[in-house]
Amino acid sequence: MNALSRREEETLLKTTKARALKECDQVVRDFAECATGRTVSVVWACRDQYKSLQECMLQ
């Protein structure tokens, strides 16, 4: 069984997250723009942007 050490796992996660945020920069900006000034209503008002953000991050 090959497993990553805790340190390797954290490094991989950090690198992957940074890469995803870089590649999804415009989608993140769209969601942030929609969410600005909202609190609870962000859930339904920005649903489409959130779905797009999730799809981009999973690629």
PDB file of N, CA and C in Angstrom:
ATOM      1  N   MET A   1       0.848  -1.177   0.000  1.00  0.00           N
ATOM      2  CA  MET A   1       0.000   0.000   0.000  1.00  0.00           C
ATOM      3  C   MET A   1       0.894   1.241   0.000  1.00  0.00           C
ATOM      4  N   ASN A   2       0.663   2.102  -0.943  1.00  0.00           N
ATOM      5  CA  ASN A   2       1.391   3.365  -1.005  1.00  0.00           C
ATOM      6  C   ASN A   2       0.506   4.471  -0.469  1.00  0.00           C
ATOM      7  N   ALA A   3       1.010   5.181   0.474  1.00  0.00           N
ATOM      8  CA  ALA A   3       0.248   6.280   1.062  1.00  0.00           C
ATOM      9  C   ALA A   3       1.157   7.496   1.181  1.00  0.00           C
ATOM     10  N   LEU A   4       0.541   8.648   1.134  1.00  0.00           N
ATOM     11  CA  LEU A   4       1.286   9.891   1.298  1.00  0.00           C
ATOM     12  C   LEU A   4       1.452  10.204   2.779  1.00  0.00           C
ATOM     13  N   SER A   5       2.567  10.793   3.092  1.00  0.00           N
ATOM     14  CA  SER A   5       2.740  11.259   4.466  1.00  0.00           C
ATOM     15  C   SER A   5       1.850  12.481   4.664  1.00  0.00           C
ATOM     16  N   ARG A   6       1.651  12.852   5.882  1.00  0.00           N
ATOM     17  CA  ARG A   6       0.807  14.013   6.197  1.00  0.00           C
ATOM     18  C   ARG A   6       1.357  15.270   5.514  1.00  0.00           C
ATOM     19  N   ARG A   7       2.663  15.432   5.550  1.00  0.00           N
ATOM     20  CA  ARG A   7       3.306  16.597   4.942  1.00  0.00           C
ATOM     21  C   ARG A   7       3.120  16.598   3.419  1.00  0.00           C
ATOM     22  N   GLU A   8       3.295  15.439   2.780  1.00  0.00           N
ATOM     23  CA  GLU A   8       3.105  15.335   1.333  1.00  0.00           C
ATOM     24  C   GLU A   8       1.656  15.627   0.957  1.00  0.00           C
ATOM     25  N   GLU A   9       0.738  15.118   1.746  1.00  0.00           N
ATOM     26  CA  GLU A   9      -0.680  15.338   1.494  1.00  0.00           C
ATOM     27  C   GLU A   9      -1.023  16.824   1.588  1.00  0.00           C
ATOM     28  N   GLU A  10      -0.524  17.497   2.607  1.00  0.00           N
ATOM     29  CA  GLU A  10      -0.789  18.926   2.779  1.00  0.00           C
ATOM     30  C   GLU A  10      -0.180  19.744   1.647  1.00  0.00           C
ATOM     31  N   THR A  11       1.032  19.392   1.234  1.00  0.00           N
ATOM     32  CA  THR A  11       1.693  20.093   0.135  1.00  0.00           C
ATOM     33  C   THR A  11       0.919  19.908  -1.160  1.00  0.00           C
ATOM     34  N   LEU A  12       0.492  18.693  -1.433  1.00  0.00           N
ATOM     35  CA  LEU A  12      -0.279  18.409  -2.635  1.00  0.00           C
ATOM     36  C   LEU A  12      -1.597  19.170  -2.633  1.00  0.00           C
ATOM     37  N   LEU A  13      -2.275  19.179  -1.510  1.00  0.00           N
ATOM     38  CA  LEU A  13      -3.543  19.889  -1.395  1.00  0.00           C
ATOM     39  C   LEU A  13      -3.356  21.385  -1.628  1.00  0.00           C
ATOM     40  N   LYS A  14      -2.327  21.962  -1.017  1.00  0.00           N
ATOM     41  CA  LYS A  14      -2.055  23.387  -1.158  1.00  0.00           C
ATOM     42  C   LYS A  14      -1.724  23.742  -2.610  1.00  0.00           C
ATOM     43  N   THR A  15      -0.908  22.925  -3.257  1.00  0.00           N
ATOM     44  CA  THR A  15      -0.519  23.158  -4.643  1.00  0.00           C
ATOM     45  C   THR A  15      -1.716  23.044  -5.576  1.00  0.00           C
ATOM     46  N   THR A  16      -2.520  22.023  -5.370  1.00  0.00           N
ATOM     47  CA  THR A  16      -3.699  21.804  -6.204  1.00  0.00           C
ATOM     48  C   THR A  16      -4.698  22.939  -6.046  1.00  0.00           C
ATOM     49  N   LYS A  17      -4.907  23.385  -4.828  1.00  0.00           N
ATOM     50  CA  LYS A  17      -5.844  24.478  -4.573  1.00  0.00           C
ATOM     51  C   LYS A  17      -5.366  25.770  -5.228  1.00  0.00           C
ATOM     52  N   ALA A  18      -4.080  26.068  -5.119  1.00  0.00           N
ATOM     53  CA  ALA A  18      -3.525  27.281  -5.727  1.00  0.00           C
ATOM     54  C   ALA A  18      -3.666  27.232  -7.244  1.00  0.00           C
ATOM     55  N   ARG A  19      -3.410  26.075  -7.823  1.00  0.00           N
ATOM     56  CA  ARG A  19      -3.534  25.923  -9.279  1.00  0.00           C
ATOM     57  C   ARG A  19      -4.988  26.102  -9.723  1.00  0.00           C
ATOM     58  N   ALA A  20      -5.916  25.506  -8.985  1.00  0.00           N
ATOM     59  CA  ALA A  20      -7.335  25.617  -9.320  1.00  0.00           C
ATOM     60  C   ALA A  20      -7.800  27.065  -9.223  1.00  0.00           C
ATOM     61  N   LEU A  21      -7.387  27.766  -8.184  1.00  0.00           N
ATOM     62  CA  LEU A  21      -7.783  29.168  -8.035  1.00  0.00           C
ATOM     63  C   LEU A  21      -7.213  30.022  -9.160  1.00  0.00           C
ATOM     64  N   LYS A  22      -5.998  29.722  -9.589  1.00  0.00           N
ATOM     65  CA  LYS A  22      -5.375  30.474 -10.675  1.00  0.00           C
ATOM     66  C   LYS A  22      -6.120  30.235 -11.986  1.00  0.00           C
ATOM     67  N   GLU A  23      -6.435  28.977 -12.271  1.00  0.00           N
ATOM     68  CA  GLU A  23      -7.121  28.636 -13.514  1.00  0.00           C
ATOM     69  C   GLU A  23      -8.579  29.083 -13.514  1.00  0.00           C
ATOM     70  N   CYS A  24      -9.178  29.226 -12.346  1.00  0.00           N
ATOM     71  CA  CYS A  24     -10.589  29.605 -12.236  1.00  0.00           C
ATOM     72  C   CYS A  24     -10.742  31.060 -11.789  1.00  0.00           C
ATOM     73  N   ASP A  25      -9.732  31.864 -12.012  1.00  0.00           N
ATOM     74  CA  ASP A  25      -9.720  33.234 -11.503  1.00  0.00           C
ATOM     75  C   ASP A  25     -10.963  34.028 -11.904  1.00  0.00           C
ATOM     76  N   GLN A  26     -11.353  33.977 -13.166  1.00  0.00           N
ATOM     77  CA  GLN A  26     -12.504  34.760 -13.618  1.00  0.00           C
ATOM     78  C   GLN A  26     -13.796  34.257 -12.981  1.00  0.00           C
ATOM     79  N   VAL A  27     -13.930  32.969 -12.824  1.00  0.00           N
ATOM     80  CA  VAL A  27     -15.131  32.394 -12.212  1.00  0.00           C
ATOM     81  C   VAL A  27     -15.204  32.801 -10.740  1.00  0.00           C
ATOM     82  N   VAL A  28     -14.063  32.802 -10.066  1.00  0.00           N
ATOM     83  CA  VAL A  28     -14.009  33.235  -8.669  1.00  0.00           C
ATOM     84  C   VAL A  28     -14.412  34.702  -8.568  1.00  0.00           C
ATOM     85  N   ARG A  29     -13.915  35.523  -9.485  1.00  0.00           N
ATOM     86  CA  ARG A  29     -14.268  36.951  -9.484  1.00  0.00           C
ATOM     87  C   ARG A  29     -15.764  37.162  -9.705  1.00  0.00           C
ATOM     88  N   ASP A  30     -16.345  36.394 -10.623  1.00  0.00           N
ATOM     89  CA  ASP A  30     -17.784  36.508 -10.887  1.00  0.00           C
ATOM     90  C   ASP A  30     -18.595  36.180  -9.636  1.00  0.00           C
ATOM     91  N   PHE A  31     -18.216  35.111  -8.948  1.00  0.00           N
ATOM     92  CA  PHE A  31     -18.924  34.740  -7.723  1.00  0.00           C
ATOM     93  C   PHE A  31     -18.734  35.806  -6.650  1.00  0.00           C
ATOM     94  N   ALA A  32     -17.519  36.293  -6.495  1.00  0.00           N
ATOM     95  CA  ALA A  32     -17.238  37.311  -5.474  1.00  0.00           C
ATOM     96  C   ALA A  32     -18.016  38.588  -5.753  1.00  0.00           C
ATOM     97  N   GLU A  33     -18.111  38.962  -7.022  1.00  0.00           N
ATOM     98  CA  GLU A  33     -18.867  40.163  -7.395  1.00  0.00           C
ATOM     99  C   GLU A  33     -20.343  39.986  -7.058  1.00  0.00           C
ATOM    100  N   CYS A  34     -20.884  38.816  -7.338  1.00  0.00           N
ATOM    101  CA  CYS A  34     -22.284  38.541  -7.024  1.00  0.00           C
ATOM    102  C   CYS A  34     -22.517  38.551  -5.516  1.00  0.00           C
ATOM    103  N   ALA A  35     -21.577  38.010  -4.760  1.00  0.00           N
ATOM    104  CA  ALA A  35     -21.741  37.871  -3.314  1.00  0.00           C
ATOM    105  C   ALA A  35     -21.506  39.166  -2.546  1.00  0.00           C
ATOM    106  N   THR A  36     -20.872  40.138  -3.171  1.00  0.00           N
ATOM    107  CA  THR A  36     -20.560  41.393  -2.489  1.00  0.00           C
ATOM    108  C   THR A  36     -21.838  42.082  -2.014  1.00  0.00           C
ATOM    109  N   GLY A  37     -21.880  42.408  -0.743  1.00  0.00           N
ATOM    110  CA  GLY A  37     -23.012  43.119  -0.168  1.00  0.00           C
ATOM    111  C   GLY A  37     -24.184  42.232   0.224  1.00  0.00           C
ATOM    112  N   ARG A  38     -24.039  40.945   0.069  1.00  0.00           N
ATOM    113  CA  ARG A  38     -25.118  40.017   0.412  1.00  0.00           C
ATOM    114  C   ARG A  38     -24.728  39.208   1.642  1.00  0.00           C
ATOM    115  N   THR A  39     -25.722  38.717   2.331  1.00  0.00           N
ATOM    116  CA  THR A  39     -25.453  37.811   3.451  1.00  0.00           C
ATOM    117  C   THR A  39     -26.183  36.500   3.174  1.00  0.00           C
ATOM    118  N   VAL A  40     -27.366  36.363   3.674  1.00  0.00           N
ATOM    119  CA  VAL A  40     -28.132  35.131   3.500  1.00  0.00           C
ATOM    120  C   VAL A  40     -28.586  34.955   2.053  1.00  0.00           C
ATOM    121  N   SER A  41     -28.899  36.044   1.368  1.00  0.00           N
ATOM    122  CA  SER A  41     -29.426  35.949   0.006  1.00  0.00           C
ATOM    123  C   SER A  41     -28.405  35.438  -1.001  1.00  0.00           C
ATOM    124  N   VAL A  42     -27.145  35.375  -0.623  1.00  0.00           N
ATOM    125  CA  VAL A  42     -26.123  34.872  -1.546  1.00  0.00           C
ATOM    126  C   VAL A  42     -26.425  33.433  -1.964  1.00  0.00           C
ATOM    127  N   VAL A  43     -27.102  32.695  -1.107  1.00  0.00           N
ATOM    128  CA  VAL A  43     -27.411  31.287  -1.386  1.00  0.00           C
ATOM    129  C   VAL A  43     -28.238  31.147  -2.654  1.00  0.00           C
ATOM    130  N   TRP A  44     -29.279  31.917  -2.810  1.00  0.00           N
ATOM    131  CA  TRP A  44     -30.113  31.784  -4.000  1.00  0.00           C
ATOM    132  C   TRP A  44     -29.765  32.801  -5.081  1.00  0.00           C
ATOM    133  N   ALA A  45     -29.244  33.946  -4.725  1.00  0.00           N
ATOM    134  CA  ALA A  45     -28.938  34.974  -5.721  1.00  0.00           C
ATOM    135  C   ALA A  45     -27.727  34.603  -6.576  1.00  0.00           C
ATOM    136  N   CYS A  46     -26.794  33.869  -6.009  1.00  0.00           N
ATOM    137  CA  CYS A  46     -25.542  33.550  -6.711  1.00  0.00           C
ATOM    138  C   CYS A  46     -25.403  32.052  -6.980  1.00  0.00           C
ATOM    139  N   ARG A  47     -26.519  31.373  -7.047  1.00  0.00           N
ATOM    140  CA  ARG A  47     -26.505  29.919  -7.228  1.00  0.00           C
ATOM    141  C   ARG A  47     -25.777  29.499  -8.504  1.00  0.00           C
ATOM    142  N   ASP A  48     -26.057  30.184  -9.615  1.00  0.00           N
ATOM    143  CA  ASP A  48     -25.430  29.817 -10.887  1.00  0.00           C
ATOM    144  C   ASP A  48     -23.919  30.039 -10.854  1.00  0.00           C
ATOM    145  N   GLN A  49     -23.500  31.158 -10.270  1.00  0.00           N
ATOM    146  CA  GLN A  49     -22.070  31.443 -10.174  1.00  0.00           C
ATOM    147  C   GLN A  49     -21.379  30.416  -9.274  1.00  0.00           C
ATOM    148  N   TYR A  50     -22.053  30.022  -8.209  1.00  0.00           N
ATOM    149  CA  TYR A  50     -21.482  29.030  -7.296  1.00  0.00           C
ATOM    150  C   TYR A  50     -21.314  27.678  -7.990  1.00  0.00           C
ATOM    151  N   LYS A  51     -22.325  27.281  -8.763  1.00  0.00           N
ATOM    152  CA  LYS A  51     -22.235  26.015  -9.492  1.00  0.00           C
ATOM    153  C   LYS A  51     -21.090  26.054 -10.497  1.00  0.00           C
ATOM    154  N   SER A  52     -20.947  27.176 -11.186  1.00  0.00           N
ATOM    155  CA  SER A  52     -19.845  27.326 -12.138  1.00  0.00           C
ATOM    156  C   SER A  52     -18.501  27.247 -11.433  1.00  0.00           C
ATOM    157  N   LEU A  53     -18.420  27.865 -10.268  1.00  0.00           N
ATOM    158  CA  LEU A  53     -17.188  27.841  -9.483  1.00  0.00           C
ATOM    159  C   LEU A  53     -16.845  26.413  -9.057  1.00  0.00           C
ATOM    160  N   GLN A  54     -17.825  25.676  -8.582  1.00  0.00           N
ATOM    161  CA  GLN A  54     -17.588  24.296  -8.160  1.00  0.00           C
ATOM    162  C   GLN A  54     -17.140  23.423  -9.332  1.00  0.00           C
ATOM    163  N   GLU A  55     -17.783  23.591 -10.487  1.00  0.00           N
ATOM    164  CA  GLU A  55     -17.406  22.814 -11.668  1.00  0.00           C
ATOM    165  C   GLU A  55     -15.972  23.116 -12.084  1.00  0.00           C
ATOM    166  N   CYS A  56     -15.611  24.379 -12.057  1.00  0.00           N
ATOM    167  CA  CYS A  56     -14.256  24.772 -12.434  1.00  0.00           C
ATOM    168  C   CYS A  56     -13.234  24.193 -11.463  1.00  0.00           C
ATOM    169  N   MET A  57     -13.522  24.259 -10.174  1.00  0.00           N
ATOM    170  CA  MET A  57     -12.576  23.769  -9.172  1.00  0.00           C
ATOM    171  C   MET A  57     -12.388  22.254  -9.250  1.00  0.00           C
ATOM    172  N   LEU A  58     -13.393  21.535  -9.691  1.00  0.00           N
ATOM    173  CA  LEU A  58     -13.294  20.079  -9.757  1.00  0.00           C
ATOM    174  C   LEU A  58     -12.555  19.584 -10.996  1.00  0.00           C
ATOM    175  N   GLN A  59     -12.285  20.463 -11.934  1.00  0.00           N
ATOM    176  CA  GLN A  59     -11.602  20.047 -13.167  1.00  0.00           C
ATOM    177  C   GLN A  59     -10.160  19.810 -12.945  1.00  0.00           C
TER     178      GLN A  59
END
